[in-house]
Protein backbone atom coordinates (compact mmCIF):
# COMPACT_ATOMS: atom_id res chain seq x y z
CA MET A 1 24.84 -14.92 3.06
CA GLY A 2 22.50 -17.64 1.55
CA TYR A 3 19.62 -19.38 3.07
CA PRO A 4 20.41 -21.17 6.34
CA ASP A 5 20.15 -24.86 6.60
CA ILE A 6 16.47 -25.60 6.67
CA LYS A 7 15.27 -27.99 9.42
CA PRO A 8 11.87 -29.54 9.73
CA LEU A 9 9.28 -27.39 11.34
CA SER A 10 8.45 -28.08 14.99
CA PRO A 11 4.97 -29.51 15.58
CA GLY A 12 3.77 -26.08 16.83
CA LEU A 13 4.99 -24.30 13.67
CA GLN A 14 3.42 -27.03 11.42
CA ALA A 15 0.18 -26.47 13.22
CA LEU A 16 0.47 -22.71 12.71
CA GLN A 17 1.18 -23.20 9.00
CA HIS A 18 -1.80 -25.54 8.67
CA SER A 19 -4.11 -23.11 10.47
CA LEU A 20 -2.98 -20.22 8.17
CA VAL A 21 -3.62 -22.37 5.07
CA GLU A 22 -6.99 -23.32 6.38
CA GLN A 23 -7.85 -19.52 6.88
CA GLY A 24 -6.93 -18.85 3.20
CA VAL A 25 -3.67 -17.07 3.93
CA LYS A 26 -1.35 -17.03 0.86
CA TYR A 27 1.55 -14.86 1.99
CA ALA A 28 3.55 -14.07 5.19
CA LEU A 29 5.20 -10.80 6.04
CA ALA A 30 8.49 -11.10 7.90
CA SER A 31 8.36 -7.60 9.43
CA PHE A 32 10.84 -5.63 11.52
CA VAL A 33 11.16 -1.94 12.45
CA ASP A 34 13.71 0.78 11.60
CA ILE A 35 14.79 3.47 14.07
CA HIS A 36 11.35 5.15 13.79
CA GLY A 37 9.42 2.07 14.70
CA MET A 38 8.09 1.80 11.10
CA CYS A 39 7.41 -1.60 9.63
CA LYS A 40 9.86 -2.97 6.99
CA GLY A 41 9.84 -6.49 5.57
CA LYS A 42 9.55 -9.03 2.75
CA VAL A 43 6.54 -10.99 1.60
CA VAL A 44 7.01 -14.75 1.47
CA PRO A 45 4.57 -17.31 -0.14
CA LEU A 46 3.25 -19.58 2.55
CA SER A 47 4.85 -22.51 0.71
CA HIS A 48 8.23 -21.10 1.91
CA PHE A 49 6.97 -20.70 5.50
CA ASP A 50 9.62 -23.08 6.81
CA ARG A 51 12.44 -21.07 5.31
CA MET A 52 11.02 -17.80 6.59
CA MET A 53 10.59 -19.00 10.16
CA GLN A 54 14.26 -19.98 10.24
CA GLY A 55 15.67 -16.64 9.04
CA SER A 56 15.78 -16.93 5.32
CA GLU A 57 14.76 -13.32 4.53
CA LEU A 58 17.83 -10.98 4.33
CA PHE A 59 18.06 -7.16 4.40
CA THR A 60 20.67 -4.59 3.70
CA GLY A 61 20.65 -2.44 6.87
CA ALA A 62 22.37 0.46 5.14
CA ALA A 63 19.30 0.99 3.02
CA LEU A 64 17.18 1.85 6.02
CA ASP A 65 17.03 4.60 8.63
CA GLY A 66 18.96 3.80 11.76
CA VAL A 67 19.81 0.13 11.03
CA PRO A 68 23.47 0.68 11.47
CA GLN A 69 25.34 -1.18 8.71
CA GLU A 70 27.70 -0.34 5.97
CA ILE A 71 26.82 -1.29 2.47
CA SER A 72 29.68 -3.88 2.54
CA ASP A 73 28.29 -5.63 5.65
CA ASP A 74 26.57 -9.00 5.57
CA GLU A 75 22.81 -8.62 5.47
CA VAL A 76 20.73 -8.84 8.64
CA GLY A 77 17.97 -11.54 8.62
CA THR A 78 14.45 -11.66 10.16
CA MET A 79 13.57 -14.26 12.80
CA PRO A 80 9.80 -14.05 13.05
CA ASP A 81 8.05 -14.57 16.36
CA PRO A 82 5.29 -17.16 15.86
CA ALA A 83 3.34 -15.73 18.79
CA SER A 84 2.99 -12.47 16.97
CA ALA A 85 1.15 -13.94 13.89
CA THR A 86 -1.53 -11.42 12.81
CA VAL A 87 -3.77 -11.85 9.84
CA LEU A 88 -4.27 -8.47 8.13
CA PRO A 89 -7.97 -7.43 8.85
CA TRP A 90 -7.95 -5.48 5.50
CA ASN A 91 -6.32 -8.33 3.48
CA PRO A 92 -6.84 -11.82 5.13
CA GLU A 93 -4.63 -13.38 2.50
CA VAL A 94 -1.55 -11.94 4.23
CA VAL A 95 -0.21 -12.69 7.80
CA TRP A 96 2.20 -10.37 9.57
CA PHE A 97 4.97 -11.53 11.97
CA ALA A 98 6.98 -9.17 14.23
CA SER A 99 10.64 -10.30 13.92
CA ASP A 100 13.97 -9.91 15.54
CA LEU A 101 16.99 -9.08 13.41
CA TYR A 102 19.89 -11.52 13.29
CA LEU A 103 23.36 -11.21 11.94
CA SER A 104 25.56 -14.21 11.29
CA GLY A 105 23.40 -16.43 13.32
CA GLN A 106 23.30 -14.15 16.43
CA PRO A 107 20.84 -11.49 17.61
CA PHE A 108 21.73 -8.16 15.94
CA GLU A 109 22.67 -5.86 18.85
CA ALA A 110 20.97 -2.78 17.29
CA CYS A 111 17.57 -4.45 16.61
CA SER A 112 14.87 -2.40 18.42
CA ARG A 113 12.86 -5.42 19.39
CA THR A 114 16.03 -7.22 20.70
CA ILE A 115 16.90 -4.20 22.83
CA LEU A 116 13.49 -4.36 24.51
CA LYS A 117 13.90 -8.09 25.05
CA ARG A 118 17.29 -7.67 26.71
CA VAL A 119 15.74 -5.25 29.37
CA LEU A 120 12.73 -7.60 29.79
CA GLU A 121 15.16 -10.43 30.51
CA GLN A 122 16.75 -8.21 33.21
CA ALA A 123 13.28 -7.67 34.65
CA ALA A 124 12.57 -11.34 34.61
CA ALA A 125 15.73 -12.13 36.43
CA MET A 126 14.57 -9.82 39.26
CA GLY A 127 11.20 -11.72 39.28
CA TYR A 128 9.09 -9.13 37.32
CA ARG A 129 7.02 -9.11 34.22
CA PHE A 130 6.57 -5.60 32.65
CA ASN A 131 2.94 -4.96 31.81
CA LEU A 132 2.10 -2.04 29.47
CA GLY A 133 -0.93 -0.39 28.14
CA ILE A 134 -0.88 2.41 25.52
CA GLU A 135 -3.48 5.14 24.90
CA THR A 136 -3.40 5.51 21.19
CA GLU A 137 -4.11 9.05 20.01
CA PHE A 138 -4.11 9.88 16.32
CA PHE A 139 -5.70 11.97 13.68
CA ILE A 140 -8.09 10.95 10.90
CA LEU A 141 -7.93 13.74 8.23
CA LYS A 142 -8.65 14.27 4.58
CA ASP A 143 -6.82 16.26 1.84
CA THR A 144 -8.35 19.64 1.13
CA GLU A 145 -7.61 22.49 -1.32
CA ASP A 146 -5.88 24.26 1.53
CA GLY A 147 -3.89 21.25 2.73
CA PHE A 148 -5.77 19.01 5.13
CA GLY A 149 -8.53 19.04 7.60
CA PRO A 150 -11.01 16.93 9.65
CA VAL A 151 -13.30 14.51 7.92
CA SER A 152 -16.38 16.15 9.39
CA ASP A 153 -17.32 19.76 8.36
CA ARG A 154 -18.83 20.04 11.88
CA ASP A 155 -15.50 19.36 13.50
CA THR A 156 -14.77 23.00 14.25
CA LEU A 157 -15.17 23.37 18.04
CA ALA A 158 -12.27 25.03 19.92
CA LYS A 159 -12.89 22.36 22.65
CA ALA A 160 -13.60 19.35 20.61
CA ALA A 161 -13.00 16.76 23.33
CA TYR A 162 -15.66 14.08 23.70
CA ALA A 163 -17.93 15.62 20.98
CA ILE A 164 -20.55 13.10 20.07
CA PRO A 165 -21.79 14.60 16.77
CA THR A 166 -18.33 14.62 15.16
CA LEU A 167 -17.54 11.22 16.60
CA LEU A 168 -20.66 9.89 14.87
CA ASP A 169 -19.66 11.71 11.67
CA ASN A 170 -16.43 9.55 11.74
CA TYR A 171 -18.36 6.41 12.86
CA LYS A 172 -17.64 4.38 9.71
CA ILE A 173 -13.85 4.67 9.81
CA LEU A 174 -13.78 4.44 13.67
CA ASP A 175 -16.04 1.33 13.71
CA THR A 176 -13.68 -0.26 11.03
CA ILE A 177 -10.66 0.44 13.17
CA VAL A 178 -12.20 -0.78 16.44
CA SER A 179 -13.83 -3.79 14.94
CA ALA A 180 -10.44 -4.81 13.43
CA MET A 181 -8.74 -4.37 16.82
CA ASN A 182 -11.40 -6.50 18.52
CA GLY A 183 -11.10 -9.07 15.80
CA LEU A 184 -7.42 -9.41 16.73
CA GLY A 185 -8.39 -9.96 20.39
CA TRP A 186 -7.15 -6.67 21.67
CA ASP A 187 -10.31 -5.94 23.68
CA VAL A 188 -11.09 -2.16 22.99
CA TYR A 189 -12.96 -0.80 25.99
CA SER A 190 -13.55 2.71 24.88
CA PHE A 191 -12.82 5.23 22.08
CA ASP A 192 -13.55 8.95 21.82
CA HIS A 193 -13.06 12.26 20.02
CA GLU A 194 -9.98 13.92 21.57
CA ASP A 195 -9.21 17.49 22.25
CA ALA A 196 -8.12 18.49 18.74
CA GLN A 197 -10.18 18.63 15.61
CA GLY A 198 -9.98 15.31 13.78
CA GLN A 199 -8.19 13.62 16.75
CA PHE A 200 -9.41 10.33 18.34
CA GLU A 201 -8.25 7.87 20.95
CA THR A 202 -8.68 4.20 21.33
CA ASP A 203 -8.18 2.36 24.69
CA PHE A 204 -7.58 -1.28 24.80
CA THR A 205 -6.47 -3.87 27.39
CA TYR A 206 -2.86 -3.86 28.51
CA CYS A 207 -0.56 -6.86 28.06
CA ASP A 208 3.12 -7.76 28.50
CA ALA A 209 5.42 -5.09 27.05
CA LEU A 210 6.77 -7.04 24.11
CA THR A 211 3.27 -7.88 22.90
CA MET A 212 2.14 -4.33 23.34
CA ALA A 213 5.09 -3.01 21.31
CA ASP A 214 4.25 -5.50 18.55
CA ARG A 215 0.67 -4.30 18.70
CA LEU A 216 1.37 -0.60 18.61
CA THR A 217 3.77 -1.17 15.61
CA PHE A 218 1.03 -3.02 13.73
CA PHE A 219 -1.71 -0.54 14.93
CA ARG A 220 -0.03 2.34 13.08
CA LEU A 221 0.37 0.25 9.95
CA MET A 222 -3.28 -0.95 10.19
CA VAL A 223 -4.93 2.39 10.95
CA LYS A 224 -3.19 4.08 8.00
CA GLU A 225 -4.28 1.30 5.58
CA LEU A 226 -7.87 1.40 6.89
CA ALA A 227 -8.18 5.15 6.67
CA ARG A 228 -6.72 5.16 3.19
CA SER A 229 -9.31 2.56 2.10
CA GLN A 230 -12.13 5.07 2.93
CA GLY A 231 -10.42 7.98 1.18
CA TYR A 232 -8.86 9.63 4.24
CA PHE A 233 -5.32 9.44 5.91
CA ALA A 234 -4.30 8.79 9.40
CA SER A 235 -1.53 10.94 10.97
CA PHE A 236 0.62 9.87 13.90
CA MET A 237 2.57 13.23 13.74
CA PRO A 238 2.70 14.33 17.36
CA LYS A 239 1.39 17.84 16.69
CA PRO A 240 -0.01 18.71 13.18
CA TYR A 241 -1.77 21.86 14.39
CA ALA A 242 0.05 24.69 16.17
CA ASP A 243 -3.03 25.88 18.08
CA GLN A 244 -4.47 22.51 19.09
CA THR A 245 -3.26 19.66 21.32
CA GLY A 246 -1.02 16.96 20.06
CA SER A 247 -1.23 13.17 20.09
CA GLY A 248 0.26 11.41 23.11
CA ALA A 249 0.81 7.65 23.66
CA HIS A 250 0.64 7.51 27.41
CA TYR A 251 2.49 4.45 28.89
CA ASN A 252 0.48 2.79 31.56
CA MET A 253 2.95 0.57 33.41
CA SER A 254 3.04 -2.01 36.17
CA LEU A 255 5.22 -4.87 37.27
CA ALA A 256 3.72 -8.27 37.90
CA ASP A 257 5.21 -11.19 39.65
CA VAL A 258 6.71 -13.39 36.96
CA GLU A 259 5.37 -16.57 38.55
CA THR A 260 2.00 -15.66 39.76
CA GLY A 261 1.05 -12.62 37.59
CA LYS A 262 0.20 -10.60 40.72
CA ASN A 263 0.30 -6.94 40.28
CA LEU A 264 3.23 -5.74 42.43
CA PHE A 265 2.37 -2.05 42.14
CA GLU A 266 -0.95 -2.45 44.04
CA ASP A 267 -1.21 -1.43 47.73
CA ALA A 268 -4.69 -0.70 49.01
CA SER A 269 -3.22 0.82 52.12
CA ASP A 270 -1.40 3.62 50.38
CA PRO A 271 -3.17 6.95 49.81
CA CYS A 272 -2.45 6.70 46.08
CA GLY A 273 -2.89 2.88 45.89
CA LEU A 274 0.74 2.37 44.95
CA SER A 275 3.25 0.03 46.53
CA LYS A 276 6.76 0.85 47.61
CA LEU A 277 8.02 -0.95 44.61
CA GLY A 278 5.90 1.35 42.44
CA TYR A 279 7.39 4.45 44.13
CA GLN A 280 10.91 3.19 43.65
CA PHE A 281 10.13 2.65 39.93
CA ILE A 282 8.90 6.20 39.66
CA ALA A 283 12.03 7.43 41.24
CA GLY A 284 14.21 5.73 38.79
CA VAL A 285 12.23 7.08 35.84
CA LEU A 286 12.40 10.62 37.19
CA ARG A 287 16.14 10.31 37.64
CA HIS A 288 16.59 9.52 33.91
CA ALA A 289 13.59 11.51 32.61
CA LYS A 290 15.47 13.82 30.22
CA ALA A 291 17.18 10.83 28.46
CA ILE A 292 14.03 8.89 28.31
CA VAL A 293 12.10 11.62 26.65
CA ALA A 294 14.63 11.67 23.67
CA VAL A 295 13.25 8.22 22.82
CA THR A 296 9.56 8.57 23.90
CA CYS A 297 9.24 11.88 22.22
CA PRO A 298 11.69 11.37 19.25
CA THR A 299 10.99 14.06 16.62
CA VAL A 300 11.53 17.77 16.24
CA ASN A 301 7.69 18.08 16.23
CA SER A 302 7.41 16.27 19.52
CA TYR A 303 8.60 19.19 21.45
CA LYS A 304 5.91 21.42 20.09
CA ARG A 305 3.54 19.23 22.04
CA LEU A 306 5.50 19.52 25.34
CA VAL A 307 4.53 23.04 26.17
CA ARG A 308 2.55 24.32 29.10
CA GLN A 309 0.00 26.38 27.13
CA GLY A 310 -0.81 27.13 23.56
CA SER A 311 -3.71 24.97 22.49
CA MET A 312 -7.22 26.35 21.70
CA SER A 313 -8.68 24.62 24.70
CA GLY A 314 -6.16 26.12 27.11
CA PHE A 315 -3.48 23.89 28.64
CA THR A 316 -1.96 21.30 26.32
CA TRP A 317 -2.40 18.33 28.72
CA ALA A 318 1.28 17.48 28.01
CA PRO A 319 3.88 17.51 30.85
CA VAL A 320 6.72 19.89 30.95
CA TYR A 321 8.17 19.15 34.46
CA VAL A 322 10.03 16.25 35.86
CA CYS A 323 7.66 15.34 38.67
CA TYR A 324 5.01 12.93 39.70
CA GLY A 325 1.58 13.04 41.28
CA ASN A 326 -1.61 11.27 42.13
CA ASN A 327 -4.47 11.37 39.64
CA ASN A 328 -3.18 14.69 38.38
CA ARG A 329 -2.53 15.21 34.57
CA THR A 330 -0.07 18.07 35.04
CA ASN A 331 2.80 15.72 36.15
CA MET A 332 5.15 13.68 33.86
CA LEU A 333 4.19 10.64 35.79
CA ARG A 334 0.67 10.05 37.14
CA ILE A 335 -0.74 7.44 39.50
CA PRO A 336 -4.31 7.07 38.09
CA MET A 337 -7.27 6.77 40.30
CA GLY A 338 -7.27 3.41 42.00
CA GLY A 339 -3.57 2.99 41.86
CA GLY A 340 -1.75 -0.17 40.87
CA ARG A 341 -0.08 1.46 37.84
CA VAL A 342 2.00 4.39 36.81
CA GLU A 343 1.29 6.46 33.70
CA CYS A 344 4.01 8.25 31.77
CA ARG A 345 2.48 11.22 29.95
CA ALA A 346 5.78 12.28 28.34
CA ALA A 347 5.44 10.06 25.35
CA ASP A 348 3.74 10.68 21.97
CA ILE A 349 2.34 8.57 19.24
CA SER A 350 5.57 8.73 17.07
CA THR A 351 7.48 6.80 19.66
CA ASN A 352 9.28 3.59 18.67
CA LEU A 353 7.73 1.65 21.65
CA TYR A 354 10.42 -1.07 21.60
CA LEU A 355 13.08 1.57 22.50
CA GLY A 356 10.91 3.76 24.58
CA ALA A 357 9.72 0.81 26.78
CA ALA A 358 13.30 -0.42 27.07
CA MET A 359 14.57 2.93 28.36
CA ILE A 360 11.68 3.58 30.79
CA LEU A 361 11.76 -0.05 32.23
CA ALA A 362 15.62 0.08 32.64
CA ALA A 363 15.28 3.33 34.60
CA GLY A 364 12.54 1.94 36.81
CA LEU A 365 14.41 -1.22 37.53
CA GLU A 366 17.39 0.96 38.65
CA GLY A 367 15.13 2.82 41.05
CA ILE A 368 14.07 -0.50 42.45
CA ARG A 369 17.55 -1.95 42.75
CA GLU A 370 18.79 1.26 44.50
CA GLY A 371 15.71 1.68 46.67
CA LEU A 372 15.17 5.26 45.41
CA ASP A 373 12.54 7.50 46.89
CA PRO A 374 10.69 10.02 44.68
CA GLY A 375 9.49 12.12 47.49
CA SER A 376 5.81 13.15 48.02
CA PRO A 377 3.38 13.30 45.09
CA HIS A 378 2.21 16.55 43.72
CA ARG A 379 -1.53 16.97 43.76
CA GLU A 380 -1.67 20.64 42.64
CA ASN A 381 -1.79 22.11 39.17
CA MET A 382 1.90 22.22 38.20
CA TYR A 383 1.17 24.59 35.36
CA THR A 384 0.37 27.40 37.80
CA TYR A 385 3.92 27.59 39.35
CA SER A 386 6.46 30.09 37.95
CA LEU A 387 9.90 28.73 36.95
CA ALA A 388 11.49 30.38 39.98
CA GLU A 389 8.91 28.60 42.28
CA LEU A 390 9.62 25.23 40.58
CA LYS A 391 13.37 25.74 40.88
CA ALA A 392 13.00 26.48 44.62
CA MET A 393 11.01 23.11 44.86
CA GLY A 394 13.86 21.27 43.16
CA ILE A 395 11.71 20.44 40.13
CA ASP A 396 13.48 20.42 36.73
CA THR A 397 11.91 20.92 33.26
CA LEU A 398 11.87 18.32 30.56
CA PRO A 399 13.86 19.14 27.39
CA ARG A 400 12.45 21.93 25.36
CA THR A 401 13.73 20.76 22.00
CA LEU A 402 14.91 17.57 20.36
CA GLY A 403 18.49 18.94 20.52
CA GLU A 404 18.28 19.25 24.30
CA ALA A 405 16.79 15.82 24.65
CA VAL A 406 19.52 14.18 22.49
CA ALA A 407 22.19 15.89 24.54
CA ALA A 408 20.62 14.55 27.71
CA PHE A 409 20.37 11.11 26.20
CA ALA A 410 24.11 11.20 25.15
CA ALA A 411 25.15 12.27 28.71
CA ASP A 412 23.19 9.63 30.60
CA PRO A 413 25.06 6.34 31.10
CA LEU A 414 21.78 4.50 31.16
CA SER A 415 21.28 5.09 27.42
CA GLU A 416 24.31 3.13 26.23
CA ALA A 417 23.59 0.48 28.84
CA VAL A 418 20.20 -0.03 27.42
CA MET A 419 20.81 0.50 23.70
CA GLY A 420 24.31 -0.99 23.38
CA PRO A 421 27.21 0.86 21.88
CA LEU A 422 26.00 0.58 18.32
CA MET A 423 22.45 1.75 18.69
CA TYR A 424 23.54 4.33 21.25
CA LYS A 425 25.87 5.98 18.68
CA THR A 426 23.46 5.51 15.83
CA TYR A 427 20.57 7.12 17.78
CA ILE A 428 22.61 10.10 18.77
CA ASP A 429 24.00 10.60 15.25
CA PHE A 430 20.72 10.13 13.53
CA LYS A 431 18.74 12.36 15.77
CA THR A 432 21.45 15.04 15.81
CA GLN A 433 21.38 15.10 12.07
CA GLU A 434 17.58 15.40 12.15
CA TRP A 435 17.88 18.41 14.45
CA GLU A 436 20.48 20.03 12.33
CA GLU A 437 18.48 19.51 9.16
CA TYR A 438 15.48 21.20 10.85
CA HIS A 439 17.57 24.24 11.55
CA SER A 440 18.70 24.49 7.97
CA HIS A 441 15.13 24.56 6.69
CA ILE A 442 13.57 27.96 5.86
CA SER A 443 10.06 27.91 7.32
CA ASP A 444 7.01 29.77 6.21
CA TRP A 445 7.16 31.63 9.53
CA GLU A 446 10.55 33.05 8.71
CA ILE A 447 9.48 34.12 5.21
CA GLN A 448 6.37 35.88 6.54
CA ARG A 449 8.31 37.57 9.34
CA TYR A 450 11.53 38.62 7.65
CA LEU A 451 11.27 38.58 3.85
CA LYS A 452 9.95 42.14 3.61
CA PHE A 453 10.71 43.19 7.14
CA PHE A 454 14.30 44.47 6.69
């Protein structure tokens, strides 16, 4: 495939190009994601902006993780979304664009961003806009002689959450990150030291799901680059420490009227502040929870976070049961204080948000279409029940391993309906291989336990 026929830019794109030139931008990144939600792309001089915006940049999918193509296939091309234009805070000569993948002039069915857009179109046809906020938890660490550790030598508390001295020890890098986010118009309203040593969280204003998926994708790229510029590294590994809490990416979700923008999950007369529509959404998510988790918690390491206990500070704060409740963090789904939204706690920071949001929205829409009822909310500490007690209550557990999650994903008809046949098969094959490779690896634990034991 060569360059497509180049047409004159629309007035809007001409204005965008002119604005970028005025800002001193020299290059544009036509960026898309692989199966992990990691940025890939090509750099285009701004003098070729017209070509790039019409799909000139081509890629061999077979060279990437989870972009299902044979090496003999025609290349996929990027179609940048002009609304996503983001000048790099650490290099203002470059602008980044989130892009959809196209093949032979049509949307590529296995493109993560396109998959989300398909489900968003279903929601819009029902009169809904999906709003999404993500709580971004991550680690800022430094290399040490022993491997890695927190930036601050005072970051040693067993219960490190909300510690002010160690937050201030990391002030320079955190201020750089937050200032960059606010410079992009994301409206950070708080940040803090989280429960594990070297772990932090930023909270910023929600927006529509496609924009939020673009922002989280860019956020991970940005934070890694900013940390590196100060001699550190950022980790979005769900659980780098066995004895400390892992990093979530809680999905805070609501549906708004597509015409008026009114929040349709709000109901002041309800004890939890949630509308009937919100409860139906919850019921749909609970129905498909095990399949959803295969995408919102997509790595082997993810399931070392989804345990009831094991962190230095006690409970892990991560859900292990398929249930919901009010302002209660021991449920998979939580209705935060004040209502009007639903929080999914069974998602970690390694999630490909395009795919995770697509799965959870599709499940919620099914609950609405079928008028499902999730039952009464759980207000108690779910960690205190025995497995026998939970079974008697009809409460199931989330998958314990990536292998279990992928099996649940494969068995659930929703998965193929959302992903499409090509990405459905690709996701199962790729994650099954990841699980099998993990089991072939000989770990330090095995060496220490067995080498001289027998």
